[in-house]
Structure formats: C-alpha cells, structure tokens
Amino acid sequence: MTDHNEIPEAIVKLKIDALAKRQFEEILRLVEEAKKRFISGEYQPAESSLLAIPSLHSSIIEACEHILEEGLFDKKKEDVGAEKEEYRPGNYL
C-alpha cells in the first residue's frame, strides 16, 4: 500500500528548484546592492549586503546535495561530458 503522506519525488524536486531559484536571484540582488553601496562610498552597508550571501550559498549547496543524494536529477543531462576530467568553470564548488 502506498503511503499517501509521502510527497512524490517530482514535486520535491520542483519545490527545491523553486527555492534555489529564488535564492540565486537574491544573491544576485545582494551583489548588485553591495556594488552600488561600495561605489557610493557606503562601505559598511556594502559589507552588510555581502555578509548575507553565505547563508544563501549554503542553502543552495544543501539543495544540490539533496537532489544528488536522492537521485532527483536528470541523469542524462548530468552525465554529458562526465567521462572527461577536464577543467570546467564551477568545479571548485
């Protein structure tokens, strides 16, 4: 018998994707805000904007880890180029 309290994997992934998308948008907004503040000489407010980024970054990393651990990703897309161990931007993450 199926547990009706379980959320289907596709819905879980959509929710994770939507949250991560909002967090990426917020990171971009914070960077732009910090840049404007820095350019205008508002160094402490610029620093404040930048200090908000690590928590968003951590949350996005956790979402990626959850998707990978639970196998909620499109394996065909993920495997493209996986056979090559060459440098690709973002590998440092």
PDB file of N, CA and C in Angstrom:
ATOM      1  N   MET A   1       0.836  -1.175   0.000  1.00  0.00           N
ATOM      2  CA  MET A   1       0.000   0.000   0.000  1.00  0.00           C
ATOM      3  C   MET A   1       0.885   1.245   0.000  1.00  0.00           C
ATOM      4  N   THR A   2       0.519   2.242  -0.766  1.00  0.00           N
ATOM      5  CA  THR A   2       1.287   3.470  -0.874  1.00  0.00           C
ATOM      6  C   THR A   2       0.951   4.410   0.268  1.00  0.00           C
ATOM      7  N   ASP A   3       1.979   5.006   0.832  1.00  0.00           N
ATOM      8  CA  ASP A   3       1.775   5.992   1.893  1.00  0.00           C
ATOM      9  C   ASP A   3       1.362   7.308   1.243  1.00  0.00           C
ATOM     10  N   HIS A   4       0.146   7.731   1.491  1.00  0.00           N
ATOM     11  CA  HIS A   4      -0.366   8.947   0.865  1.00  0.00           C
ATOM     12  C   HIS A   4       0.215  10.212   1.481  1.00  0.00           C
ATOM     13  N   ASN A   5       0.961  10.059   2.557  1.00  0.00           N
ATOM     14  CA  ASN A   5       1.614  11.217   3.170  1.00  0.00           C
ATOM     15  C   ASN A   5       2.937  11.550   2.498  1.00  0.00           C
ATOM     16  N   GLU A   6       3.457  10.619   1.698  1.00  0.00           N
ATOM     17  CA  GLU A   6       4.715  10.859   1.008  1.00  0.00           C
ATOM     18  C   GLU A   6       4.488  11.820  -0.158  1.00  0.00           C
ATOM     19  N   ILE A   7       5.427  12.732  -0.316  1.00  0.00           N
ATOM     20  CA  ILE A   7       5.359  13.684  -1.426  1.00  0.00           C
ATOM     21  C   ILE A   7       6.123  13.067  -2.595  1.00  0.00           C
ATOM     22  N   PRO A   8       5.512  13.018  -3.787  1.00  0.00           N
ATOM     23  CA  PRO A   8       6.215  12.461  -4.945  1.00  0.00           C
ATOM     24  C   PRO A   8       7.536  13.192  -5.197  1.00  0.00           C
ATOM     25  N   GLU A   9       8.560  12.430  -5.625  1.00  0.00           N
ATOM     26  CA  GLU A   9       9.896  12.992  -5.852  1.00  0.00           C
ATOM     27  C   GLU A   9       9.863  14.189  -6.792  1.00  0.00           C
ATOM     28  N   ALA A  10       9.046  14.137  -7.832  1.00  0.00           N
ATOM     29  CA  ALA A  10       8.991  15.237  -8.797  1.00  0.00           C
ATOM     30  C   ALA A  10       8.554  16.534  -8.122  1.00  0.00           C
ATOM     31  N   ILE A  11       7.611  16.445  -7.210  1.00  0.00           N
ATOM     32  CA  ILE A  11       7.135  17.639  -6.507  1.00  0.00           C
ATOM     33  C   ILE A  11       8.223  18.150  -5.563  1.00  0.00           C
ATOM     34  N   VAL A  12       8.914  17.240  -4.900  1.00  0.00           N
ATOM     35  CA  VAL A  12      10.007  17.632  -4.010  1.00  0.00           C
ATOM     36  C   VAL A  12      11.061  18.388  -4.804  1.00  0.00           C
ATOM     37  N   LYS A  13      11.432  17.851  -5.970  1.00  0.00           N
ATOM     38  CA  LYS A  13      12.448  18.499  -6.796  1.00  0.00           C
ATOM     39  C   LYS A  13      11.970  19.867  -7.266  1.00  0.00           C
ATOM     40  N   LEU A  14      10.718  19.980  -7.676  1.00  0.00           N
ATOM     41  CA  LEU A  14      10.196  21.276  -8.114  1.00  0.00           C
ATOM     42  C   LEU A  14      10.263  22.303  -6.992  1.00  0.00           C
ATOM     43  N   LYS A  15       9.930  21.887  -5.783  1.00  0.00           N
ATOM     44  CA  LYS A  15       9.983  22.805  -4.646  1.00  0.00           C
ATOM     45  C   LYS A  15      11.426  23.219  -4.353  1.00  0.00           C
ATOM     46  N   ILE A  16      12.344  22.260  -4.409  1.00  0.00           N
ATOM     47  CA  ILE A  16      13.756  22.563  -4.179  1.00  0.00           C
ATOM     48  C   ILE A  16      14.261  23.503  -5.269  1.00  0.00           C
ATOM     49  N   ASP A  17      13.914  23.221  -6.531  1.00  0.00           N
ATOM     50  CA  ASP A  17      14.338  24.064  -7.644  1.00  0.00           C
ATOM     51  C   ASP A  17      13.804  25.485  -7.500  1.00  0.00           C
ATOM     52  N   ALA A  18      12.551  25.622  -7.113  1.00  0.00           N
ATOM     53  CA  ALA A  18      11.937  26.946  -6.965  1.00  0.00           C
ATOM     54  C   ALA A  18      12.631  27.722  -5.842  1.00  0.00           C
ATOM     55  N   LEU A  19      12.916  27.054  -4.735  1.00  0.00           N
ATOM     56  CA  LEU A  19      13.598  27.713  -3.626  1.00  0.00           C
ATOM     57  C   LEU A  19      15.006  28.138  -4.046  1.00  0.00           C
ATOM     58  N   ALA A  20      15.737  27.246  -4.691  1.00  0.00           N
ATOM     59  CA  ALA A  20      17.092  27.567  -5.136  1.00  0.00           C
ATOM     60  C   ALA A  20      17.072  28.732  -6.126  1.00  0.00           C
ATOM     61  N   LYS A  21      16.101  28.748  -7.026  1.00  0.00           N
ATOM     62  CA  LYS A  21      15.990  29.842  -7.999  1.00  0.00           C
ATOM     63  C   LYS A  21      15.811  31.172  -7.282  1.00  0.00           C
ATOM     64  N   ARG A  22      14.944  31.213  -6.278  1.00  0.00           N
ATOM     65  CA  ARG A  22      14.735  32.451  -5.511  1.00  0.00           C
ATOM     66  C   ARG A  22      16.024  32.844  -4.778  1.00  0.00           C
ATOM     67  N   GLN A  23      16.753  31.862  -4.283  1.00  0.00           N
ATOM     68  CA  GLN A  23      17.988  32.156  -3.562  1.00  0.00           C
ATOM     69  C   GLN A  23      19.073  32.676  -4.512  1.00  0.00           C
ATOM     70  N   PHE A  24      19.154  32.109  -5.720  1.00  0.00           N
ATOM     71  CA  PHE A  24      20.087  32.639  -6.715  1.00  0.00           C
ATOM     72  C   PHE A  24      19.741  34.086  -7.050  1.00  0.00           C
ATOM     73  N   GLU A  25      18.457  34.362  -7.235  1.00  0.00           N
ATOM     74  CA  GLU A  25      18.018  35.725  -7.536  1.00  0.00           C
ATOM     75  C   GLU A  25      18.361  36.677  -6.399  1.00  0.00           C
ATOM     76  N   GLU A  26      18.209  36.219  -5.166  1.00  0.00           N
ATOM     77  CA  GLU A  26      18.533  37.051  -4.012  1.00  0.00           C
ATOM     78  C   GLU A  26      20.033  37.305  -3.923  1.00  0.00           C
ATOM     79  N   ILE A  27      20.844  36.299  -4.231  1.00  0.00           N
ATOM     80  CA  ILE A  27      22.299  36.503  -4.243  1.00  0.00           C
ATOM     81  C   ILE A  27      22.665  37.572  -5.262  1.00  0.00           C
ATOM     82  N   LEU A  28      22.089  37.482  -6.454  1.00  0.00           N
ATOM     83  CA  LEU A  28      22.376  38.482  -7.485  1.00  0.00           C
ATOM     84  C   LEU A  28      21.937  39.875  -7.043  1.00  0.00           C
ATOM     85  N   ARG A  29      20.780  39.958  -6.393  1.00  0.00           N
ATOM     86  CA  ARG A  29      20.286  41.246  -5.906  1.00  0.00           C
ATOM     87  C   ARG A  29      21.238  41.812  -4.853  1.00  0.00           C
ATOM     88  N   LEU A  30      21.686  40.951  -3.935  1.00  0.00           N
ATOM     89  CA  LEU A  30      22.596  41.394  -2.882  1.00  0.00           C
ATOM     90  C   LEU A  30      23.932  41.871  -3.444  1.00  0.00           C
ATOM     91  N   VAL A  31      24.440  41.173  -4.441  1.00  0.00           N
ATOM     92  CA  VAL A  31      25.706  41.579  -5.055  1.00  0.00           C
ATOM     93  C   VAL A  31      25.551  42.943  -5.729  1.00  0.00           C
ATOM     94  N   GLU A  32      24.460  43.122  -6.446  1.00  0.00           N
ATOM     95  CA  GLU A  32      24.214  44.414  -7.102  1.00  0.00           C
ATOM     96  C   GLU A  32      24.062  45.525  -6.062  1.00  0.00           C
ATOM     97  N   GLU A  33      23.341  45.238  -5.002  1.00  0.00           N
ATOM     98  CA  GLU A  33      23.166  46.203  -3.918  1.00  0.00           C
ATOM     99  C   GLU A  33      24.515  46.556  -3.290  1.00  0.00           C
ATOM    100  N   ALA A  34      25.335  45.556  -3.014  1.00  0.00           N
ATOM    101  CA  ALA A  34      26.651  45.783  -2.421  1.00  0.00           C
ATOM    102  C   ALA A  34      27.531  46.615  -3.353  1.00  0.00           C
ATOM    103  N   LYS A  35      27.461  46.315  -4.634  1.00  0.00           N
ATOM    104  CA  LYS A  35      28.251  47.057  -5.625  1.00  0.00           C
ATOM    105  C   LYS A  35      27.861  48.538  -5.613  1.00  0.00           C
ATOM    106  N   LYS A  36      26.571  48.823  -5.647  1.00  0.00           N
ATOM    107  CA  LYS A  36      26.096  50.215  -5.636  1.00  0.00           C
ATOM    108  C   LYS A  36      26.524  50.921  -4.355  1.00  0.00           C
ATOM    109  N   ARG A  37      26.392  50.230  -3.237  1.00  0.00           N
ATOM    110  CA  ARG A  37      26.777  50.820  -1.960  1.00  0.00           C
ATOM    111  C   ARG A  37      28.283  51.092  -1.912  1.00  0.00           C
ATOM    112  N   PHE A  38      29.056  50.141  -2.409  1.00  0.00           N
ATOM    113  CA  PHE A  38      30.513  50.295  -2.395  1.00  0.00           C
ATOM    114  C   PHE A  38      30.930  51.484  -3.255  1.00  0.00           C
ATOM    115  N   ILE A  39      30.376  51.554  -4.466  1.00  0.00           N
ATOM    116  CA  ILE A  39      30.711  52.638  -5.390  1.00  0.00           C
ATOM    117  C   ILE A  39      30.347  54.003  -4.803  1.00  0.00           C
ATOM    118  N   SER A  40      29.252  54.055  -4.050  1.00  0.00           N
ATOM    119  CA  SER A  40      28.826  55.330  -3.463  1.00  0.00           C
ATOM    120  C   SER A  40      29.529  55.626  -2.141  1.00  0.00           C
ATOM    121  N   GLY A  41      30.477  54.778  -1.744  1.00  0.00           N
ATOM    122  CA  GLY A  41      31.242  55.026  -0.535  1.00  0.00           C
ATOM    123  C   GLY A  41      30.584  54.519   0.734  1.00  0.00           C
ATOM    124  N   GLU A  42      29.521  53.757   0.614  1.00  0.00           N
ATOM    125  CA  GLU A  42      28.818  53.203   1.779  1.00  0.00           C
ATOM    126  C   GLU A  42      29.397  51.815   2.077  1.00  0.00           C
ATOM    127  N   TYR A  43      30.569  51.807   2.691  1.00  0.00           N
ATOM    128  CA  TYR A  43      31.301  50.550   2.854  1.00  0.00           C
ATOM    129  C   TYR A  43      30.676  49.601   3.874  1.00  0.00           C
ATOM    130  N   GLN A  44      30.205  50.128   4.980  1.00  0.00           N
ATOM    131  CA  GLN A  44      29.589  49.254   5.971  1.00  0.00           C
ATOM    132  C   GLN A  44      28.290  48.639   5.439  1.00  0.00           C
ATOM    133  N   PRO A  45      27.402  49.409   4.784  1.00  0.00           N
ATOM    134  CA  PRO A  45      26.218  48.792   4.181  1.00  0.00           C
ATOM    135  C   PRO A  45      26.570  47.788   3.072  1.00  0.00           C
ATOM    136  N   ALA A  46      27.655  48.073   2.326  1.00  0.00           N
ATOM    137  CA  ALA A  46      28.094  47.120   1.298  1.00  0.00           C
ATOM    138  C   ALA A  46      28.512  45.807   1.944  1.00  0.00           C
ATOM    139  N   GLU A  47      29.258  45.931   3.029  1.00  0.00           N
ATOM    140  CA  GLU A  47      29.683  44.740   3.768  1.00  0.00           C
ATOM    141  C   GLU A  47      28.467  43.970   4.291  1.00  0.00           C
ATOM    142  N   SER A  48      27.490  44.687   4.779  1.00  0.00           N
ATOM    143  CA  SER A  48      26.274  44.065   5.299  1.00  0.00           C
ATOM    144  C   SER A  48      25.568  43.249   4.212  1.00  0.00           C
ATOM    145  N   SER A  49      25.479  43.814   3.016  1.00  0.00           N
ATOM    146  CA  SER A  49      24.851  43.089   1.902  1.00  0.00           C
ATOM    147  C   SER A  49      25.617  41.809   1.595  1.00  0.00           C
ATOM    148  N   LEU A  50      26.939  41.911   1.572  1.00  0.00           N
ATOM    149  CA  LEU A  50      27.771  40.743   1.247  1.00  0.00           C
ATOM    150  C   LEU A  50      27.719  39.673   2.330  1.00  0.00           C
ATOM    151  N   LEU A  51      27.554  40.082   3.568  1.00  0.00           N
ATOM    152  CA  LEU A  51      27.506  39.119   4.670  1.00  0.00           C
ATOM    153  C   LEU A  51      26.255  38.244   4.640  1.00  0.00           C
ATOM    154  N   ALA A  52      25.245  38.654   3.896  1.00  0.00           N
ATOM    155  CA  ALA A  52      24.023  37.854   3.787  1.00  0.00           C
ATOM    156  C   ALA A  52      24.169  36.705   2.786  1.00  0.00           C
ATOM    157  N   ILE A  53      25.197  36.751   1.975  1.00  0.00           N
ATOM    158  CA  ILE A  53      25.346  35.762   0.896  1.00  0.00           C
ATOM    159  C   ILE A  53      25.695  34.351   1.391  1.00  0.00           C
ATOM    160  N   PRO A  54      26.590  34.170   2.358  1.00  0.00           N
ATOM    161  CA  PRO A  54      26.966  32.805   2.743  1.00  0.00           C
ATOM    162  C   PRO A  54      25.804  31.897   3.149  1.00  0.00           C
ATOM    163  N   SER A  55      24.804  32.433   3.831  1.00  0.00           N
ATOM    164  CA  SER A  55      23.685  31.571   4.226  1.00  0.00           C
ATOM    165  C   SER A  55      22.889  31.112   3.010  1.00  0.00           C
ATOM    166  N   LEU A  56      22.745  31.989   2.022  1.00  0.00           N
ATOM    167  CA  LEU A  56      22.056  31.601   0.787  1.00  0.00           C
ATOM    168  C   LEU A  56      22.876  30.568   0.025  1.00  0.00           C
ATOM    169  N   HIS A  57      24.183  30.803  -0.038  1.00  0.00           N
ATOM    170  CA  HIS A  57      25.098  29.877  -0.708  1.00  0.00           C
ATOM    171  C   HIS A  57      24.996  28.489  -0.080  1.00  0.00           C
ATOM    172  N   SER A  58      25.024  28.436   1.245  1.00  0.00           N
ATOM    173  CA  SER A  58      24.935  27.153   1.958  1.00  0.00           C
ATOM    174  C   SER A  58      23.625  26.440   1.665  1.00  0.00           C
ATOM    175  N   SER A  59      22.561  27.192   1.623  1.00  0.00           N
ATOM    176  CA  SER A  59      21.252  26.600   1.353  1.00  0.00           C
ATOM    177  C   SER A  59      21.184  26.006  -0.053  1.00  0.00           C
ATOM    178  N   ILE A  60      21.766  26.700  -1.025  1.00  0.00           N
ATOM    179  CA  ILE A  60      21.788  26.189  -2.404  1.00  0.00           C
ATOM    180  C   ILE A  60      22.642  24.925  -2.479  1.00  0.00           C
ATOM    181  N   ILE A  61      23.776  24.921  -1.798  1.00  0.00           N
ATOM    182  CA  ILE A  61      24.639  23.731  -1.767  1.00  0.00           C
ATOM    183  C   ILE A  61      23.881  22.551  -1.162  1.00  0.00           C
ATOM    184  N   GLU A  62      23.164  22.790  -0.067  1.00  0.00           N
ATOM    185  CA  GLU A  62      22.375  21.721   0.556  1.00  0.00           C
ATOM    186  C   GLU A  62      21.307  21.196  -0.396  1.00  0.00           C
ATOM    187  N   ALA A  63      20.673  22.089  -1.155  1.00  0.00           N
ATOM    188  CA  ALA A  63      19.662  21.661  -2.128  1.00  0.00           C
ATOM    189  C   ALA A  63      20.298  20.778  -3.196  1.00  0.00           C
ATOM    190  N   CYS A  64      21.462  21.179  -3.688  1.00  0.00           N
ATOM    191  CA  CYS A  64      22.171  20.372  -4.692  1.00  0.00           C
ATOM    192  C   CYS A  64      22.520  18.996  -4.132  1.00  0.00           C
ATOM    193  N   GLU A  65      23.022  18.979  -2.908  1.00  0.00           N
ATOM    194  CA  GLU A  65      23.385  17.707  -2.283  1.00  0.00           C
ATOM    195  C   GLU A  65      22.165  16.810  -2.123  1.00  0.00           C
ATOM    196  N   HIS A  66      21.045  17.395  -1.710  1.00  0.00           N
ATOM    197  CA  HIS A  66      19.816  16.611  -1.541  1.00  0.00           C
ATOM    198  C   HIS A  66      19.370  16.020  -2.882  1.00  0.00           C
ATOM    199  N   ILE A  67      19.386  16.835  -3.918  1.00  0.00           N
ATOM    200  CA  ILE A  67      18.977  16.354  -5.241  1.00  0.00           C
ATOM    201  C   ILE A  67      19.891  15.223  -5.696  1.00  0.00           C
ATOM    202  N   LEU A  68      21.195  15.380  -5.493  1.00  0.00           N
ATOM    203  CA  LEU A  68      22.138  14.343  -5.911  1.00  0.00           C
ATOM    204  C   LEU A  68      21.990  13.073  -5.069  1.00  0.00           C
ATOM    205  N   GLU A  69      21.857  13.222  -3.750  1.00  0.00           N
ATOM    206  CA  GLU A  69      21.734  12.059  -2.870  1.00  0.00           C
ATOM    207  C   GLU A  69      20.454  11.272  -3.131  1.00  0.00           C
ATOM    208  N   GLU A  70      19.387  11.971  -3.418  1.00  0.00           N
ATOM    209  CA  GLU A  70      18.095  11.314  -3.635  1.00  0.00           C
ATOM    210  C   GLU A  70      17.889  10.896  -5.080  1.00  0.00           C
ATOM    211  N   GLY A  71      18.846  11.221  -5.953  1.00  0.00           N
ATOM    212  CA  GLY A  71      18.718  10.846  -7.361  1.00  0.00           C
ATOM    213  C   GLY A  71      17.577  11.580  -8.060  1.00  0.00           C
ATOM    214  N   LEU A  72      17.352  12.830  -7.676  1.00  0.00           N
ATOM    215  CA  LEU A  72      16.232  13.600  -8.225  1.00  0.00           C
ATOM    216  C   LEU A  72      16.624  14.398  -9.472  1.00  0.00           C
ATOM    217  N   PHE A  73      17.769  14.107 -10.061  1.00  0.00           N
ATOM    218  CA  PHE A  73      18.221  14.859 -11.224  1.00  0.00           C
ATOM    219  C   PHE A  73      18.109  14.015 -12.484  1.00  0.00           C
ATOM    220  N   ASP A  74      18.138  14.682 -13.620  1.00  0.00           N
ATOM    221  CA  ASP A  74      18.089  14.014 -14.918  1.00  0.00           C
ATOM    222  C   ASP A  74      19.478  13.453 -15.203  1.00  0.00           C
ATOM    223  N   LYS A  75      19.639  12.165 -15.034  1.00  0.00           N
ATOM    224  CA  LYS A  75      20.949  11.536 -15.180  1.00  0.00           C
ATOM    225  C   LYS A  75      21.539  11.743 -16.574  1.00  0.00           C
ATOM    226  N   LYS A  76      20.699  11.809 -17.595  1.00  0.00           N
ATOM    227  CA  LYS A  76      21.206  12.033 -18.952  1.00  0.00           C
ATOM    228  C   LYS A  76      21.897  13.376 -19.061  1.00  0.00           C
ATOM    229  N   LYS A  77      21.309  14.417 -18.502  1.00  0.00           N
ATOM    230  CA  LYS A  77      21.926  15.743 -18.539  1.00  0.00           C
ATOM    231  C   LYS A  77      23.188  15.776 -17.686  1.00  0.00           C
ATOM    232  N   GLU A  78      23.160  15.132 -16.547  1.00  0.00           N
ATOM    233  CA  GLU A  78      24.277  15.165 -15.607  1.00  0.00           C
ATOM    234  C   GLU A  78      25.490  14.415 -16.159  1.00  0.00           C
ATOM    235  N   ASP A  79      25.274  13.374 -16.962  1.00  0.00           N
ATOM    236  CA  ASP A  79      26.366  12.551 -17.460  1.00  0.00           C
ATOM    237  C   ASP A  79      27.054  13.131 -18.691  1.00  0.00           C
ATOM    238  N   VAL A  80      26.498  14.144 -19.305  1.00  0.00           N
ATOM    239  CA  VAL A  80      27.102  14.721 -20.509  1.00  0.00           C
ATOM    240  C   VAL A  80      28.474  15.266 -20.157  1.00  0.00           C
ATOM    241  N   GLY A  81      29.489  14.747 -20.828  1.00  0.00           N
ATOM    242  CA  GLY A  81      30.852  15.200 -20.603  1.00  0.00           C
ATOM    243  C   GLY A  81      31.482  14.673 -19.331  1.00  0.00           C
ATOM    244  N   ALA A  82      30.798  13.814 -18.604  1.00  0.00           N
ATOM    245  CA  ALA A  82      31.324  13.313 -17.337  1.00  0.00           C
ATOM    246  C   ALA A  82      32.547  12.432 -17.533  1.00  0.00           C
ATOM    247  N   GLU A  83      32.694  11.883 -18.749  1.00  0.00           N
ATOM    248  CA  GLU A  83      33.822  10.997 -18.987  1.00  0.00           C
ATOM    249  C   GLU A  83      35.136  11.762 -19.079  1.00  0.00           C
ATOM    250  N   LYS A  84      35.077  13.075 -19.274  1.00  0.00           N
ATOM    251  CA  LYS A  84      36.281  13.887 -19.370  1.00  0.00           C
ATOM    252  C   LYS A  84      36.565  14.503 -18.008  1.00  0.00           C
ATOM    253  N   GLU A  85      37.809  14.435 -17.601  1.00  0.00           N
ATOM    254  CA  GLU A  85      38.220  15.050 -16.333  1.00  0.00           C
ATOM    255  C   GLU A  85      38.956  16.349 -16.628  1.00  0.00           C
ATOM    256  N   GLU A  86      38.348  17.195 -17.422  1.00  0.00           N
ATOM    257  CA  GLU A  86      38.980  18.463 -17.741  1.00  0.00           C
ATOM    258  C   GLU A  86      38.357  19.558 -16.884  1.00  0.00           C
ATOM    259  N   TYR A  87      39.048  20.668 -16.849  1.00  0.00           N
ATOM    260  CA  TYR A  87      38.554  21.799 -16.059  1.00  0.00           C
ATOM    261  C   TYR A  87      37.290  22.356 -16.686  1.00  0.00           C
ATOM    262  N   ARG A  88      36.302  22.559 -15.848  1.00  0.00           N
ATOM    263  CA  ARG A  88      35.080  23.256 -16.256  1.00  0.00           C
ATOM    264  C   ARG A  88      34.796  24.292 -15.188  1.00  0.00           C
ATOM    265  N   PRO A  89      34.397  25.494 -15.591  1.00  0.00           N
ATOM    266  CA  PRO A  89      34.091  26.518 -14.580  1.00  0.00           C
ATOM    267  C   PRO A  89      33.086  25.992 -13.560  1.00  0.00           C
ATOM    268  N   GLY A  90      33.331  26.264 -12.309  1.00  0.00           N
ATOM    269  CA  GLY A  90      32.429  25.839 -11.252  1.00  0.00           C
ATOM    270  C   GLY A  90      32.872  24.572 -10.539  1.00  0.00           C
ATOM    271  N   ASN A  91      33.899  23.888 -11.051  1.00  0.00           N
ATOM    272  CA  ASN A  91      34.344  22.652 -10.413  1.00  0.00           C
ATOM    273  C   ASN A  91      34.892  22.895  -9.017  1.00  0.00           C
ATOM    274  N   TYR A  92      35.310  24.108  -8.718  1.00  0.00           N
ATOM    275  CA  TYR A  92      35.857  24.403  -7.398  1.00  0.00           C
ATOM    276  C   TYR A  92      34.811  24.352  -6.310  1.00  0.00           C
ATOM    277  N   LEU A  93      33.533  24.419  -6.685  1.00  0.00           N
ATOM    278  CA  LEU A  93      32.465  24.359  -5.687  1.00  0.00           C
ATOM    279  C   LEU A  93      32.346  22.944  -5.190  1.00  0.00           C
TER     280      LEU A  93
END
